[in-house]
Amino acid sequence: MAVETVRELLLEKGHSVHSVRPTAGVFEALELMAEKNVGAVVVVDGEGRVHGIFSERDFARMTVGAGKITKATIVMEAMTTRVVSINPETTISECMALMTERRIRHLPVLDGARVVGMVSIGDVVKSMLAEKQLQISRQAFKIDQLETYISLAV
């Protein structure tokens, strides 16, 4: 089945979102990311409000830019605070355009103020490739049907 919206994508991949508090240690966030095999976590407060996003890219920038990261460095010091988010009705094509335009790899999915999922560039590409494969299969079926029709008509 072709996936057209983020809502449909989340139904397939799941709604799990990995998050940390703004006061969590950077290394704690990195350990969670490694354990869950994800490239970013949403930074939320105790009431679930989004304060930022912390990604591998943020860590790399802080490491190179600041030059020092200690065990005491907290996520709030390294996270991206201008969070670009989407809603469940956003189309997969809109996600790709947004990610390309903003040069980002992760989009938190918000339903109102509540985080209901996370979409990565990998999720979007996988979905778009599946759609292309479906289109190719449909075209191959049509060609096969036309060839059968022509061979029977001769």
Protein backbone atom coordinates (compact mmCIF):
# COMPACT_ATOMS: atom_id res chain seq x y z
CA MET A 1 0.00 0.00 0.00
CA ALA A 2 1.28 3.45 -0.88
CA VAL A 3 1.90 5.78 2.03
CA GLU A 4 0.92 9.38 1.35
CA THR A 5 0.82 11.08 4.75
CA VAL A 6 2.89 11.06 7.91
CA ARG A 7 -0.09 9.54 9.75
CA GLU A 8 0.03 6.52 7.41
CA LEU A 9 3.81 6.30 7.74
CA LEU A 10 3.59 6.27 11.54
CA LEU A 11 0.99 3.50 11.39
CA GLU A 12 3.56 1.40 9.51
CA LYS A 13 6.73 2.30 11.40
CA GLY A 14 5.31 3.02 14.83
CA HIS A 15 4.90 6.05 17.03
CA SER A 16 7.86 5.57 19.35
CA VAL A 17 9.69 8.78 20.16
CA HIS A 18 12.87 8.86 22.18
CA SER A 19 13.25 11.92 24.32
CA VAL A 20 15.38 13.50 27.02
CA ARG A 21 14.94 16.43 29.39
CA PRO A 22 16.81 19.70 28.74
CA THR A 23 18.91 19.06 31.85
CA ALA A 24 20.00 15.57 30.78
CA GLY A 25 23.68 15.11 30.15
CA VAL A 26 24.87 15.13 26.54
CA PHE A 27 26.50 11.74 27.05
CA GLU A 28 23.23 10.37 28.48
CA ALA A 29 21.45 11.51 25.31
CA LEU A 30 24.16 9.98 23.12
CA GLU A 31 23.92 6.67 24.98
CA LEU A 32 20.14 6.62 24.43
CA MET A 33 20.62 7.41 20.74
CA ALA A 34 23.17 4.59 20.40
CA GLU A 35 20.98 2.13 22.32
CA LYS A 36 17.91 2.91 20.22
CA ASN A 37 19.90 3.28 16.97
CA VAL A 38 18.49 6.75 16.22
CA GLY A 39 20.16 9.94 15.07
CA ALA A 40 18.18 12.38 17.20
CA VAL A 41 16.06 12.72 20.32
CA VAL A 42 13.36 15.23 21.12
CA VAL A 43 14.07 17.45 24.12
CA VAL A 44 10.94 17.79 26.26
CA ASP A 45 10.13 19.12 29.70
CA GLY A 46 8.25 17.23 32.39
CA GLU A 47 4.90 18.14 30.84
CA GLY A 48 5.88 16.91 27.38
CA ARG A 49 6.41 20.35 25.81
CA VAL A 50 9.06 20.40 23.10
CA HIS A 51 12.06 22.59 23.89
CA GLY A 52 14.39 21.39 21.18
CA ILE A 53 15.93 18.50 19.34
CA PHE A 54 19.36 16.99 19.94
CA SER A 55 21.04 15.19 17.06
CA GLU A 56 24.35 13.67 16.10
CA ARG A 57 24.91 16.83 14.09
CA ASP A 58 24.44 19.00 17.19
CA PHE A 59 27.02 16.91 19.02
CA ALA A 60 29.48 17.18 16.12
CA ARG A 61 29.02 20.95 15.90
CA MET A 62 29.50 21.37 19.63
CA THR A 63 32.58 19.18 19.62
CA VAL A 64 34.21 21.08 16.79
CA GLY A 65 32.88 24.55 17.62
CA ALA A 66 33.21 24.68 21.37
CA GLY A 67 36.13 22.33 21.54
CA LYS A 68 35.14 20.98 24.95
CA ILE A 69 32.45 18.65 26.07
CA THR A 70 32.56 17.28 29.58
CA LYS A 71 30.41 14.84 31.52
CA ALA A 72 28.72 17.93 32.98
CA THR A 73 27.60 19.34 29.60
CA ILE A 74 23.82 19.26 29.40
CA VAL A 75 21.61 18.84 26.35
CA MET A 76 20.21 22.36 26.72
CA GLU A 77 23.67 23.72 25.87
CA ALA A 78 23.93 21.74 22.64
CA MET A 79 20.38 21.23 21.31
CA THR A 80 18.76 22.93 18.35
CA THR A 81 16.06 25.21 19.73
CA ARG A 82 14.41 26.17 16.44
CA VAL A 83 12.57 22.92 15.97
CA VAL A 84 10.99 22.32 12.59
CA SER A 85 8.03 20.02 13.10
CA ILE A 86 5.22 18.56 11.06
CA ASN A 87 1.72 17.28 11.76
CA PRO A 88 0.22 13.88 10.94
CA GLU A 89 -1.49 15.21 7.81
CA THR A 90 1.77 16.39 6.22
CA THR A 91 2.46 14.49 2.99
CA ILE A 92 5.62 12.50 2.42
CA SER A 93 6.50 14.81 -0.48
CA GLU A 94 6.13 17.84 1.79
CA CYS A 95 8.46 16.16 4.31
CA MET A 96 11.10 15.61 1.63
CA ALA A 97 10.83 19.21 0.44
CA LEU A 98 11.06 20.56 4.00
CA MET A 99 14.02 18.36 4.89
CA THR A 100 15.84 19.33 1.70
CA GLU A 101 15.11 23.04 2.03
CA ARG A 102 16.05 23.24 5.72
CA ARG A 103 18.88 20.68 5.48
CA ILE A 104 17.54 18.61 8.36
CA ARG A 105 17.28 14.87 8.88
CA HIS A 106 14.62 14.52 11.60
CA LEU A 107 11.13 15.95 11.96
CA PRO A 108 9.16 15.59 15.18
CA VAL A 109 5.49 14.96 14.48
CA LEU A 110 3.19 17.08 16.64
CA ASP A 111 -0.52 16.64 17.08
CA GLY A 112 -1.30 19.99 18.66
CA ALA A 113 1.41 20.36 21.30
CA ARG A 114 1.82 16.59 21.83
CA VAL A 115 4.70 14.69 20.20
CA VAL A 116 3.23 11.65 18.44
CA GLY A 117 6.18 10.47 16.36
CA MET A 118 9.46 11.21 14.65
CA VAL A 119 10.18 10.98 10.94
CA SER A 120 13.72 10.64 9.63
CA ILE A 121 15.11 11.21 6.16
CA GLY A 122 15.52 7.43 5.95
CA ASP A 123 11.80 6.92 6.61
CA VAL A 124 10.90 9.43 3.90
CA VAL A 125 13.27 7.98 1.30
CA LYS A 126 12.12 4.42 2.05
CA SER A 127 8.49 5.48 1.64
CA MET A 128 9.18 7.31 -1.62
CA LEU A 129 11.11 4.33 -3.01
CA ALA A 130 8.23 2.00 -2.11
CA GLU A 131 5.86 4.30 -3.99
CA LYS A 132 8.14 4.29 -7.07
CA GLN A 133 8.37 0.47 -6.93
CA LEU A 134 4.58 0.29 -6.84
CA GLN A 135 4.35 2.57 -9.88
CA ILE A 136 6.88 0.44 -11.75
CA SER A 137 4.96 -2.74 -10.89
CA ARG A 138 1.73 -1.20 -12.15
CA GLN A 139 3.40 -0.15 -15.41
CA ALA A 140 4.89 -3.63 -15.88
CA PHE A 141 1.44 -5.17 -15.33
CA LYS A 142 -0.11 -2.84 -17.93
CA ILE A 143 2.62 -3.69 -20.44
CA ASP A 144 2.11 -7.40 -19.81
CA GLN A 145 -1.64 -7.02 -20.31
CA LEU A 146 -1.12 -5.11 -23.56
CA GLU A 147 1.32 -7.73 -24.85
CA THR A 148 -1.18 -10.48 -24.04
CA TYR A 149 -3.98 -8.57 -25.78
CA ILE A 150 -1.85 -7.99 -28.88
CA SER A 151 -0.69 -11.63 -29.08
CA LEU A 152 -4.29 -12.87 -28.83
CA ALA A 153 -5.49 -10.39 -31.46
CA VAL A 154 -2.96 -11.57 -34.05
